[in-house]
Amino acid sequence: MNKIKNVCIVDDDDLFQFVMRQHLERLEMVEHIHKFSDGEQALNYIKANIQDADALPELILLDVNMPYMDGWQFMREFIKLNIPSGINIKIYVLSSSTHESDLQKAKEFPMLAGYLVKPIGKAMIQQILAGLLPAHTEDS
C-alpha cells in the first residue's frame, strides 16, 4: 500500500498534536509525522530540507492562532520559498476560529487546500490523506 512520506502538524496545542498523531498513526497511511509548535519551526524544517524531496512534507496541517509566528505569517513566508518544481505540498488550515476575518484571510492564499474548523475527526483526516495518495489501478 502506498503511504504518504511526511506530514507536518503545526499547532501550539499539545493535546491537538497528540490527537492528530494518534489519528495518523492508526490510519497507517503516513510514514513520518513531524510536530511543530509554531510556524517558524515548521518553516525552518522546510528550508533545511528544501533540496531533499523525500524529507519535504506532502501535507501540512496548520493552526492559525499560535504564538511567535502564526499560521498567516507562516503562509506569507511559505509562498516566498523556492519549492522545487514537481513538489506539491498541500496545506490545510485547521482552526477553532469561524471568525469572518480568518475566513477572508484564507482566501488571500489560493494555494490552501482547505480551511477546516476544529475539532477534526479521524474520518476527515482519512479523507484528506486519501486525496493525496495516487489512485490505485489494477496495473499497479
N, C-alpha and C. Protein backbone atom coordinates (compact mmCIF):
# COMPACT_ATOMS: atom_id res chain seq x y z
N MET A 1 0.84 -1.19 0.00
CA MET A 1 0.00 0.00 0.00
C MET A 1 0.88 1.25 0.00
N ASN A 2 0.51 2.21 -0.82
CA ASN A 2 1.23 3.48 -0.83
C ASN A 2 0.98 4.23 0.47
N LYS A 3 2.03 4.94 0.90
CA LYS A 3 1.91 5.77 2.09
C LYS A 3 2.40 7.17 1.76
N ILE A 4 1.89 8.13 2.50
CA ILE A 4 2.38 9.49 2.42
C ILE A 4 3.65 9.52 3.25
N LYS A 5 4.70 10.08 2.68
CA LYS A 5 6.00 10.04 3.34
C LYS A 5 6.07 10.94 4.57
N ASN A 6 5.67 12.21 4.44
CA ASN A 6 5.82 13.17 5.54
C ASN A 6 4.58 14.05 5.70
N VAL A 7 4.16 14.18 6.95
CA VAL A 7 3.08 15.09 7.32
C VAL A 7 3.61 15.96 8.46
N CYS A 8 3.34 17.27 8.37
CA CYS A 8 3.70 18.19 9.44
C CYS A 8 2.44 18.69 10.13
N ILE A 9 2.45 18.60 11.46
CA ILE A 9 1.40 19.17 12.28
C ILE A 9 1.99 20.43 12.90
N VAL A 10 1.40 21.58 12.60
CA VAL A 10 1.92 22.85 13.11
C VAL A 10 0.83 23.46 13.99
N ASP A 11 0.99 23.28 15.30
CA ASP A 11 -0.03 23.71 16.25
C ASP A 11 0.61 23.81 17.63
N ASP A 12 0.30 24.86 18.37
CA ASP A 12 0.88 25.04 19.71
C ASP A 12 0.14 24.27 20.78
N ASP A 13 -0.95 23.62 20.45
CA ASP A 13 -1.74 22.86 21.41
C ASP A 13 -1.24 21.41 21.45
N ASP A 14 -0.60 21.04 22.57
CA ASP A 14 -0.04 19.70 22.71
C ASP A 14 -1.10 18.61 22.59
N LEU A 15 -2.28 18.86 23.13
CA LEU A 15 -3.35 17.87 23.06
C LEU A 15 -3.79 17.66 21.62
N PHE A 16 -3.93 18.76 20.87
CA PHE A 16 -4.31 18.64 19.46
C PHE A 16 -3.24 17.86 18.69
N GLN A 17 -1.97 18.17 18.95
CA GLN A 17 -0.88 17.44 18.29
C GLN A 17 -0.97 15.94 18.60
N PHE A 18 -1.22 15.63 19.87
CA PHE A 18 -1.32 14.23 20.29
C PHE A 18 -2.47 13.52 19.58
N VAL A 19 -3.64 14.16 19.55
CA VAL A 19 -4.82 13.55 18.92
C VAL A 19 -4.58 13.35 17.42
N MET A 20 -4.03 14.36 16.75
CA MET A 20 -3.76 14.24 15.31
C MET A 20 -2.75 13.12 15.05
N ARG A 21 -1.72 13.05 15.88
CA ARG A 21 -0.71 12.00 15.72
C ARG A 21 -1.37 10.62 15.88
N GLN A 22 -2.25 10.48 16.87
CA GLN A 22 -2.95 9.21 17.09
C GLN A 22 -3.79 8.84 15.86
N HIS A 23 -4.54 9.80 15.33
CA HIS A 23 -5.34 9.53 14.13
C HIS A 23 -4.45 9.08 12.98
N LEU A 24 -3.37 9.81 12.75
CA LEU A 24 -2.47 9.50 11.63
C LEU A 24 -1.83 8.12 11.80
N GLU A 25 -1.39 7.81 13.01
CA GLU A 25 -0.77 6.50 13.25
C GLU A 25 -1.77 5.36 13.08
N ARG A 26 -2.97 5.54 13.58
CA ARG A 26 -3.98 4.48 13.49
C ARG A 26 -4.42 4.23 12.04
N LEU A 27 -4.40 5.27 11.23
CA LEU A 27 -4.78 5.10 9.82
C LEU A 27 -3.71 4.39 9.02
N GLU A 28 -2.49 4.37 9.53
CA GLU A 28 -1.35 3.69 8.88
C GLU A 28 -1.17 4.12 7.43
N MET A 29 -1.33 5.42 7.19
CA MET A 29 -1.19 5.95 5.83
C MET A 29 0.00 6.90 5.70
N VAL A 30 0.71 7.12 6.81
CA VAL A 30 1.81 8.10 6.85
C VAL A 30 3.06 7.44 7.41
N GLU A 31 4.20 7.69 6.77
CA GLU A 31 5.46 7.15 7.27
C GLU A 31 6.04 7.98 8.41
N HIS A 32 6.11 9.32 8.24
CA HIS A 32 6.74 10.19 9.24
C HIS A 32 5.82 11.35 9.58
N ILE A 33 5.68 11.59 10.89
CA ILE A 33 4.87 12.69 11.39
C ILE A 33 5.80 13.65 12.12
N HIS A 34 5.82 14.90 11.68
CA HIS A 34 6.66 15.93 12.28
C HIS A 34 5.75 16.92 12.98
N LYS A 35 6.08 17.25 14.25
CA LYS A 35 5.25 18.18 15.02
C LYS A 35 6.05 19.45 15.31
N PHE A 36 5.37 20.58 15.13
CA PHE A 36 5.98 21.88 15.40
C PHE A 36 4.99 22.73 16.18
N SER A 37 5.48 23.50 17.15
CA SER A 37 4.57 24.29 17.97
C SER A 37 4.40 25.73 17.49
N ASP A 38 5.12 26.12 16.43
CA ASP A 38 4.84 27.41 15.79
C ASP A 38 5.29 27.38 14.34
N GLY A 39 4.84 28.37 13.61
CA GLY A 39 5.12 28.41 12.18
C GLY A 39 6.60 28.51 11.84
N GLU A 40 7.36 29.21 12.68
CA GLU A 40 8.78 29.37 12.39
C GLU A 40 9.52 28.03 12.43
N GLN A 41 9.20 27.19 13.39
CA GLN A 41 9.84 25.87 13.47
C GLN A 41 9.56 25.07 12.19
N ALA A 42 8.33 25.09 11.74
CA ALA A 42 7.96 24.36 10.53
C ALA A 42 8.67 24.95 9.31
N LEU A 43 8.70 26.25 9.23
CA LEU A 43 9.37 26.93 8.12
C LEU A 43 10.86 26.59 8.09
N ASN A 44 11.49 26.58 9.25
CA ASN A 44 12.91 26.23 9.32
C ASN A 44 13.16 24.79 8.87
N TYR A 45 12.25 23.89 9.23
CA TYR A 45 12.37 22.49 8.79
C TYR A 45 12.29 22.41 7.26
N ILE A 46 11.33 23.12 6.69
CA ILE A 46 11.17 23.09 5.23
C ILE A 46 12.39 23.69 4.55
N LYS A 47 12.87 24.83 5.05
CA LYS A 47 14.06 25.46 4.47
C LYS A 47 15.27 24.55 4.53
N ALA A 48 15.44 23.86 5.65
CA ALA A 48 16.60 22.97 5.84
C ALA A 48 16.55 21.76 4.90
N ASN A 49 15.35 21.41 4.44
CA ASN A 49 15.18 20.22 3.61
C ASN A 49 14.70 20.54 2.19
N ILE A 50 14.81 21.78 1.79
CA ILE A 50 14.21 22.21 0.53
C ILE A 50 14.77 21.47 -0.69
N GLN A 51 15.98 20.99 -0.60
CA GLN A 51 16.58 20.26 -1.72
C GLN A 51 16.43 18.75 -1.57
N ASP A 52 15.75 18.29 -0.53
CA ASP A 52 15.56 16.86 -0.28
C ASP A 52 14.06 16.54 -0.37
N ALA A 53 13.63 16.19 -1.57
CA ALA A 53 12.20 15.95 -1.80
C ALA A 53 11.64 14.88 -0.86
N ASP A 54 12.45 13.90 -0.48
CA ASP A 54 11.96 12.84 0.40
C ASP A 54 11.71 13.33 1.82
N ALA A 55 12.27 14.47 2.20
CA ALA A 55 12.08 15.00 3.55
C ALA A 55 11.00 16.06 3.62
N LEU A 56 10.64 16.62 2.47
CA LEU A 56 9.61 17.67 2.46
C LEU A 56 8.23 17.07 2.74
N PRO A 57 7.39 17.83 3.44
CA PRO A 57 6.05 17.32 3.72
C PRO A 57 5.18 17.30 2.47
N GLU A 58 4.33 16.32 2.41
CA GLU A 58 3.30 16.29 1.37
C GLU A 58 2.03 16.97 1.88
N LEU A 59 1.94 17.06 3.21
CA LEU A 59 0.76 17.64 3.85
C LEU A 59 1.21 18.42 5.07
N ILE A 60 0.65 19.64 5.21
CA ILE A 60 0.85 20.45 6.41
C ILE A 60 -0.53 20.75 6.98
N LEU A 61 -0.70 20.41 8.25
CA LEU A 61 -1.92 20.74 9.00
C LEU A 61 -1.56 21.93 9.87
N LEU A 62 -2.08 23.10 9.54
CA LEU A 62 -1.60 24.37 10.08
C LEU A 62 -2.65 25.07 10.92
N ASP A 63 -2.30 25.34 12.17
CA ASP A 63 -3.17 26.14 13.04
C ASP A 63 -2.99 27.61 12.68
N VAL A 64 -4.00 28.41 12.94
CA VAL A 64 -3.92 29.84 12.66
C VAL A 64 -3.36 30.59 13.87
N ASN A 65 -3.93 30.34 15.03
CA ASN A 65 -3.57 31.10 16.24
C ASN A 65 -2.48 30.41 17.03
N MET A 66 -1.25 30.90 16.83
CA MET A 66 -0.09 30.37 17.55
C MET A 66 0.77 31.55 17.98
N PRO A 67 1.50 31.39 19.08
CA PRO A 67 2.42 32.47 19.48
C PRO A 67 3.62 32.52 18.53
N TYR A 68 4.30 33.59 18.55
CA TYR A 68 5.51 33.87 17.78
C TYR A 68 5.23 34.00 16.29
N MET A 69 5.05 32.91 15.56
CA MET A 69 4.69 33.00 14.14
C MET A 69 3.40 32.24 13.94
N ASP A 70 2.32 32.98 13.66
CA ASP A 70 1.03 32.32 13.49
C ASP A 70 0.90 31.72 12.09
N GLY A 71 -0.23 31.12 11.83
CA GLY A 71 -0.44 30.44 10.55
C GLY A 71 -0.41 31.38 9.36
N TRP A 72 -0.93 32.59 9.53
CA TRP A 72 -0.94 33.54 8.41
C TRP A 72 0.47 34.03 8.10
N GLN A 73 1.27 34.27 9.14
CA GLN A 73 2.66 34.67 8.92
C GLN A 73 3.42 33.53 8.24
N PHE A 74 3.15 32.29 8.68
CA PHE A 74 3.77 31.13 8.04
C PHE A 74 3.45 31.11 6.55
N MET A 75 2.19 31.33 6.21
CA MET A 75 1.78 31.29 4.80
C MET A 75 2.48 32.37 3.98
N ARG A 76 2.60 33.58 4.55
CA ARG A 76 3.28 34.66 3.82
C ARG A 76 4.73 34.31 3.55
N GLU A 77 5.38 33.64 4.50
CA GLU A 77 6.78 33.23 4.31
C GLU A 77 6.88 32.00 3.40
N PHE A 78 5.94 31.09 3.54
CA PHE A 78 5.96 29.86 2.74
C PHE A 78 5.90 30.17 1.24
N ILE A 79 5.05 31.12 0.85
CA ILE A 79 4.92 31.40 -0.58
C ILE A 79 6.18 32.04 -1.17
N LYS A 80 7.07 32.53 -0.31
CA LYS A 80 8.34 33.10 -0.77
C LYS A 80 9.40 32.02 -1.02
N LEU A 81 9.15 30.82 -0.50
CA LEU A 81 10.14 29.74 -0.65
C LEU A 81 10.21 29.29 -2.10
N ASN A 82 11.37 28.86 -2.48
CA ASN A 82 11.57 28.35 -3.84
C ASN A 82 11.45 26.83 -3.80
N ILE A 83 10.22 26.35 -3.68
CA ILE A 83 9.97 24.91 -3.63
C ILE A 83 10.29 24.34 -5.01
N PRO A 84 11.10 23.27 -5.09
CA PRO A 84 11.44 22.69 -6.39
C PRO A 84 10.20 22.29 -7.19
N SER A 85 10.26 22.46 -8.49
CA SER A 85 9.13 22.09 -9.32
C SER A 85 8.86 20.59 -9.19
N GLY A 86 7.62 20.23 -9.29
CA GLY A 86 7.22 18.84 -9.13
C GLY A 86 6.89 18.47 -7.69
N ILE A 87 7.23 19.34 -6.74
CA ILE A 87 6.92 19.09 -5.33
C ILE A 87 5.59 19.76 -5.03
N ASN A 88 4.63 18.99 -4.56
CA ASN A 88 3.31 19.51 -4.26
C ASN A 88 3.05 19.34 -2.76
N ILE A 89 3.01 20.45 -2.05
CA ILE A 89 2.75 20.43 -0.62
C ILE A 89 1.34 20.97 -0.39
N LYS A 90 0.46 20.11 0.11
CA LYS A 90 -0.92 20.52 0.42
C LYS A 90 -0.95 21.10 1.83
N ILE A 91 -1.59 22.24 1.97
CA ILE A 91 -1.71 22.88 3.28
C ILE A 91 -3.18 23.06 3.61
N TYR A 92 -3.56 22.53 4.77
CA TYR A 92 -4.90 22.73 5.30
C TYR A 92 -4.79 23.55 6.57
N VAL A 93 -5.53 24.64 6.63
CA VAL A 93 -5.63 25.41 7.86
C VAL A 93 -6.66 24.71 8.74
N LEU A 94 -6.25 24.44 9.98
CA LEU A 94 -7.14 23.84 10.97
C LEU A 94 -7.25 24.84 12.10
N SER A 95 -8.44 25.34 12.34
CA SER A 95 -8.60 26.40 13.33
C SER A 95 -9.90 26.23 14.08
N SER A 96 -9.93 26.75 15.29
CA SER A 96 -11.19 26.78 16.04
C SER A 96 -11.96 28.05 15.69
N SER A 97 -11.33 28.91 14.89
CA SER A 97 -11.95 30.19 14.54
C SER A 97 -12.91 30.06 13.36
N THR A 98 -14.11 30.56 13.57
CA THR A 98 -15.06 30.69 12.46
C THR A 98 -15.28 32.17 12.19
N HIS A 99 -14.39 33.00 12.72
CA HIS A 99 -14.49 34.45 12.55
C HIS A 99 -14.33 34.81 11.08
N GLU A 100 -15.17 35.70 10.60
CA GLU A 100 -15.18 36.10 9.19
C GLU A 100 -13.82 36.61 8.73
N SER A 101 -13.08 37.31 9.60
CA SER A 101 -11.77 37.84 9.19
C SER A 101 -10.79 36.71 8.87
N ASP A 102 -10.84 35.60 9.61
CA ASP A 102 -9.97 34.46 9.31
C ASP A 102 -10.40 33.78 8.01
N LEU A 103 -11.68 33.65 7.81
CA LEU A 103 -12.17 33.03 6.58
C LEU A 103 -11.79 33.88 5.36
N GLN A 104 -11.84 35.20 5.51
CA GLN A 104 -11.43 36.09 4.42
C GLN A 104 -9.93 36.02 4.19
N LYS A 105 -9.16 35.94 5.27
CA LYS A 105 -7.70 35.84 5.16
C LYS A 105 -7.30 34.58 4.40
N ALA A 106 -8.02 33.50 4.64
CA ALA A 106 -7.72 32.24 3.95
C ALA A 106 -7.84 32.40 2.44
N LYS A 107 -8.75 33.27 1.99
CA LYS A 107 -8.94 33.50 0.56
C LYS A 107 -7.76 34.22 -0.07
N GLU A 108 -6.90 34.85 0.76
CA GLU A 108 -5.70 35.52 0.26
C GLU A 108 -4.64 34.51 -0.20
N PHE A 109 -4.82 33.26 0.17
CA PHE A 109 -3.84 32.22 -0.14
C PHE A 109 -4.51 31.13 -0.96
N PRO A 110 -4.61 31.33 -2.27
CA PRO A 110 -5.33 30.35 -3.11
C PRO A 110 -4.67 28.97 -3.12
N MET A 111 -3.41 28.88 -2.66
CA MET A 111 -2.76 27.57 -2.64
C MET A 111 -3.22 26.71 -1.46
N LEU A 112 -3.98 27.29 -0.53
CA LEU A 112 -4.51 26.49 0.58
C LEU A 112 -5.46 25.44 0.03
N ALA A 113 -5.30 24.22 0.50
CA ALA A 113 -6.18 23.13 0.06
C ALA A 113 -7.53 23.19 0.78
N GLY A 114 -7.57 23.85 1.95
CA GLY A 114 -8.83 23.94 2.67
C GLY A 114 -8.69 24.65 4.00
N TYR A 115 -9.81 25.07 4.54
CA TYR A 115 -9.91 25.71 5.86
C TYR A 115 -10.91 24.88 6.64
N LEU A 116 -10.42 24.16 7.64
CA LEU A 116 -11.27 23.26 8.41
C LEU A 116 -11.38 23.75 9.85
N VAL A 117 -12.58 23.67 10.40
CA VAL A 117 -12.82 24.11 11.76
C VAL A 117 -12.67 22.93 12.71
N LYS A 118 -11.86 23.14 13.76
CA LYS A 118 -11.65 22.11 14.78
C LYS A 118 -12.94 21.90 15.56
N PRO A 119 -13.16 20.73 16.10
CA PRO A 119 -12.28 19.56 16.08
C PRO A 119 -12.35 18.82 14.74
N ILE A 120 -11.26 18.19 14.42
CA ILE A 120 -11.14 17.44 13.18
C ILE A 120 -11.09 15.96 13.56
N GLY A 121 -11.97 15.18 13.00
CA GLY A 121 -12.04 13.77 13.34
C GLY A 121 -11.21 12.89 12.42
N LYS A 122 -11.12 11.64 12.81
CA LYS A 122 -10.35 10.64 12.07
C LYS A 122 -10.85 10.49 10.63
N ALA A 123 -12.17 10.54 10.44
CA ALA A 123 -12.73 10.38 9.10
C ALA A 123 -12.28 11.51 8.17
N MET A 124 -12.24 12.74 8.69
CA MET A 124 -11.80 13.88 7.88
C MET A 124 -10.32 13.74 7.53
N ILE A 125 -9.50 13.32 8.49
CA ILE A 125 -8.07 13.12 8.24
C ILE A 125 -7.89 12.03 7.19
N GLN A 126 -8.65 10.95 7.29
CA GLN A 126 -8.56 9.87 6.31
C GLN A 126 -8.93 10.37 4.91
N GLN A 127 -9.94 11.20 4.83
CA GLN A 127 -10.37 11.76 3.55
C GLN A 127 -9.26 12.64 2.94
N ILE A 128 -8.63 13.46 3.77
CA ILE A 128 -7.54 14.33 3.30
C ILE A 128 -6.38 13.47 2.80
N LEU A 129 -5.98 12.47 3.59
CA LEU A 129 -4.86 11.61 3.22
C LEU A 129 -5.16 10.83 1.94
N ALA A 130 -6.38 10.32 1.83
CA ALA A 130 -6.74 9.55 0.65
C ALA A 130 -6.64 10.40 -0.61
N GLY A 131 -6.93 11.68 -0.49
CA GLY A 131 -6.82 12.58 -1.62
C GLY A 131 -5.39 12.84 -2.06
N LEU A 132 -4.42 12.57 -1.19
CA LEU A 132 -3.01 12.76 -1.51
C LEU A 132 -2.38 11.54 -2.14
N LEU A 133 -2.95 10.37 -1.89
CA LEU A 133 -2.36 9.15 -2.42
C LEU A 133 -2.69 8.98 -3.90
N PRO A 134 -1.75 8.43 -4.67
CA PRO A 134 -2.05 8.19 -6.09
C PRO A 134 -3.19 7.18 -6.20
N ALA A 135 -3.99 7.36 -7.22
CA ALA A 135 -5.11 6.44 -7.45
C ALA A 135 -4.58 5.05 -7.72
N HIS A 136 -5.21 4.07 -7.14
CA HIS A 136 -4.81 2.68 -7.33
C HIS A 136 -5.40 2.18 -8.65
N THR A 137 -4.57 1.55 -9.44
CA THR A 137 -5.06 0.96 -10.68
C THR A 137 -4.77 -0.53 -10.63
N GLU A 138 -5.43 -1.29 -11.48
CA GLU A 138 -5.22 -2.74 -11.49
C GLU A 138 -3.82 -3.11 -11.95
N ASP A 139 -3.17 -2.21 -12.69
CA ASP A 139 -1.82 -2.47 -13.16
C ASP A 139 -0.76 -2.24 -12.11
N SER A 140 -1.10 -1.52 -11.03
CA SER A 140 -0.08 -1.20 -10.04
C SER A 140 0.02 -2.22 -8.93
